[in-house]
């Protein structure tokens, strides 16, 4: 933007700062997977329904003894999905974690900004693995796309 001749330096700095802040706010409002309206009651309800379907699927995984899946998309927690699966001692925890991750990634839950998955084997000492993704981080999204393909 070209300033008129004689515009004080302080005015130019303030205008530049305002432009930068406005651009930053606009970019912050954009996130991966936000096709749905984040924070909208209907969007959250649909996500909760799909999370319940995933939970039922995870309870049927080989070796699974329990599963819980929750989805929140409201003013306090935006587009977050958490999945916890407990398996028997002889179950491959990593393979189960991969299966859960792929099923979530392939699901139609949208928007999705963060994802936490935990799989725990019921053995002493506990064997547990977890994965925690910030889907506003493009490098994490790219890694998931490379592994499982594009989301629906």
Protein backbone atom coordinates (compact mmCIF):
# COMPACT_ATOMS: atom_id res chain seq x y z
CA UNK A 1 0.00 0.00 0.00
CA UNK A 2 1.41 3.36 -1.00
CA UNK A 3 1.08 6.13 1.59
CA UNK A 4 0.32 9.72 0.47
CA UNK A 5 3.28 12.06 0.61
CA UNK A 6 3.73 13.63 4.04
CA UNK A 7 2.08 10.77 6.01
CA UNK A 8 3.73 10.66 9.44
CA UNK A 9 5.92 7.63 10.14
CA UNK A 10 3.85 6.65 13.20
CA UNK A 11 0.67 6.48 11.09
CA UNK A 12 2.44 4.22 8.56
CA UNK A 13 3.62 1.91 11.35
CA UNK A 14 0.15 1.71 12.92
CA UNK A 15 -1.47 0.94 9.55
CA UNK A 16 1.13 -1.77 8.81
CA UNK A 17 0.58 -3.33 12.25
CA UNK A 18 -3.20 -3.32 11.79
CA UNK A 19 -2.85 -4.98 8.40
CA UNK A 20 -0.54 -7.64 9.83
CA UNK A 21 -2.89 -8.35 12.76
CA UNK A 22 -5.91 -8.58 10.47
CA UNK A 23 -4.13 -10.99 8.15
CA UNK A 24 -2.97 -13.07 11.11
CA UNK A 25 -6.48 -13.28 12.52
CA UNK A 26 -7.86 -14.36 9.16
CA UNK A 27 -5.24 -17.08 8.78
CA UNK A 28 -5.79 -18.28 12.35
CA UNK A 29 -9.48 -18.78 11.59
CA UNK A 30 -8.59 -21.19 8.77
CA UNK A 31 -7.63 -24.73 9.73
CA UNK A 32 -7.28 -28.14 8.15
CA UNK A 33 -10.46 -30.13 7.96
CA UNK A 34 -12.75 -27.27 8.87
CA UNK A 35 -15.30 -27.89 6.13
CA UNK A 36 -17.95 -28.18 8.83
CA UNK A 37 -18.69 -25.19 10.99
CA UNK A 38 -16.54 -25.53 14.08
CA UNK A 39 -18.51 -24.85 17.24
CA UNK A 40 -21.90 -25.35 15.56
CA UNK A 41 -24.30 -27.54 17.61
CA UNK A 42 -25.37 -29.61 14.58
CA UNK A 43 -21.77 -30.23 13.56
CA UNK A 44 -20.86 -31.33 17.08
CA UNK A 45 -23.90 -33.62 17.30
CA UNK A 46 -22.97 -35.29 14.00
CA UNK A 47 -19.39 -35.76 15.24
CA UNK A 48 -20.67 -37.32 18.47
CA UNK A 49 -22.84 -39.77 16.50
CA UNK A 50 -19.92 -40.76 14.27
CA UNK A 51 -17.67 -41.14 17.34
CA UNK A 52 -20.22 -43.54 18.85
CA UNK A 53 -20.13 -45.59 15.64
CA UNK A 54 -16.34 -45.73 15.82
CA UNK A 55 -16.50 -46.82 19.45
CA UNK A 56 -18.79 -49.72 18.51
CA UNK A 57 -16.34 -50.70 15.76
CA UNK A 58 -13.34 -50.52 18.10
CA UNK A 59 -15.09 -52.74 20.65
CA UNK A 60 -15.15 -55.43 17.93
CA UNK A 61 -11.42 -55.27 17.14
CA UNK A 62 -9.48 -58.50 17.78
CA UNK A 63 -8.43 -58.59 21.44
CA UNK A 64 -10.41 -55.46 22.42
CA UNK A 65 -11.93 -55.56 25.90
CA UNK A 66 -13.18 -51.96 26.06
CA UNK A 67 -13.25 -48.80 23.96
CA UNK A 68 -14.29 -45.21 24.41
CA UNK A 69 -14.41 -42.50 21.76
CA UNK A 70 -15.43 -38.92 22.40
CA UNK A 71 -15.77 -35.90 20.14
CA UNK A 72 -16.08 -32.28 21.21
CA UNK A 73 -16.54 -29.22 19.07
CA UNK A 74 -17.67 -26.29 21.13
CA UNK A 75 -16.38 -23.02 22.51
CA UNK A 76 -14.02 -24.71 25.00
CA UNK A 77 -12.73 -27.62 22.91
CA UNK A 78 -12.72 -27.26 19.15
CA UNK A 79 -13.03 -30.31 16.91
CA UNK A 80 -11.19 -32.76 19.19
CA UNK A 81 -11.49 -36.53 19.05
CA UNK A 82 -10.15 -38.87 21.75
CA UNK A 83 -10.09 -42.65 21.44
CA UNK A 84 -9.02 -45.14 24.11
CA UNK A 85 -8.96 -48.88 23.49
CA UNK A 86 -8.05 -51.58 25.99
CA UNK A 87 -6.85 -54.92 24.67
CA UNK A 88 -5.86 -58.29 26.09
CA UNK A 89 -2.26 -58.98 27.03
CA UNK A 90 -1.56 -61.02 23.89
CA UNK A 91 -2.87 -58.38 21.46
CA UNK A 92 -0.46 -56.42 19.26
CA UNK A 93 -0.82 -52.90 20.66
CA UNK A 94 0.87 -51.19 17.68
CA UNK A 95 -1.29 -53.00 15.12
CA UNK A 96 -4.41 -52.05 17.07
CA UNK A 97 -3.24 -48.43 17.29
CA UNK A 98 -2.71 -48.41 13.52
CA UNK A 99 -6.20 -49.84 12.90
CA UNK A 100 -7.81 -47.24 15.18
CA UNK A 101 -5.85 -44.40 13.59
CA UNK A 102 -6.78 -45.49 10.07
CA UNK A 103 -10.47 -45.85 10.95
CA UNK A 104 -10.59 -42.37 12.50
CA UNK A 105 -8.67 -40.81 9.61
CA UNK A 106 -11.05 -42.46 7.12
CA UNK A 107 -14.15 -41.40 9.05
CA UNK A 108 -16.41 -38.54 8.05
CA UNK A 109 -15.94 -36.69 11.34
CA UNK A 110 -15.47 -33.07 10.33
CA UNK A 111 -14.12 -30.71 11.40
CA UNK A 112 -11.19 -32.42 13.09
CA UNK A 113 -8.43 -30.25 14.57
CA UNK A 114 -6.89 -32.56 17.17
CA UNK A 115 -6.71 -36.30 17.58
CA UNK A 116 -5.54 -38.37 20.54
CA UNK A 117 -5.43 -42.18 20.44
CA UNK A 118 -4.39 -44.54 23.24
CA UNK A 119 -4.23 -48.33 23.20
CA UNK A 120 -3.44 -50.14 26.44
CA UNK A 121 -2.82 -53.85 26.96
CA UNK A 122 -4.14 -55.29 30.20
CA UNK A 123 -0.88 -56.71 31.48
CA UNK A 124 1.49 -55.83 34.29
CA UNK A 125 3.49 -53.76 33.79
CA UNK A 126 1.13 -51.89 31.50
CA UNK A 127 1.93 -51.76 27.82
CA UNK A 128 0.47 -48.65 26.24
CA UNK A 129 1.03 -46.59 23.12
CA UNK A 130 -0.51 -43.31 22.19
CA UNK A 131 -0.49 -40.82 19.37
CA UNK A 132 -1.39 -37.18 19.68
CA UNK A 133 -1.94 -35.04 16.58
CA UNK A 134 -2.44 -31.31 16.12
CA UNK A 135 -4.18 -31.20 12.75
CA UNK A 136 -3.53 -27.48 12.40
CA UNK A 137 0.12 -28.56 11.93
CA UNK A 138 0.43 -29.20 8.20
CA UNK A 139 3.44 -31.54 8.64
CA UNK A 140 1.37 -33.85 10.87
CA UNK A 141 -1.50 -33.81 8.37
CA UNK A 142 0.90 -34.55 5.52
CA UNK A 143 2.29 -37.56 7.42
CA UNK A 144 -1.22 -38.93 7.97
CA UNK A 145 -2.18 -38.34 4.33
CA UNK A 146 0.97 -40.18 3.22
CA UNK A 147 0.13 -43.07 5.52
CA UNK A 148 -3.66 -43.39 5.00
CA UNK A 149 -4.57 -41.20 2.02
CA UNK A 150 -6.78 -38.12 1.87
CA UNK A 151 -9.69 -37.77 4.32
CA UNK A 152 -13.21 -38.05 2.91
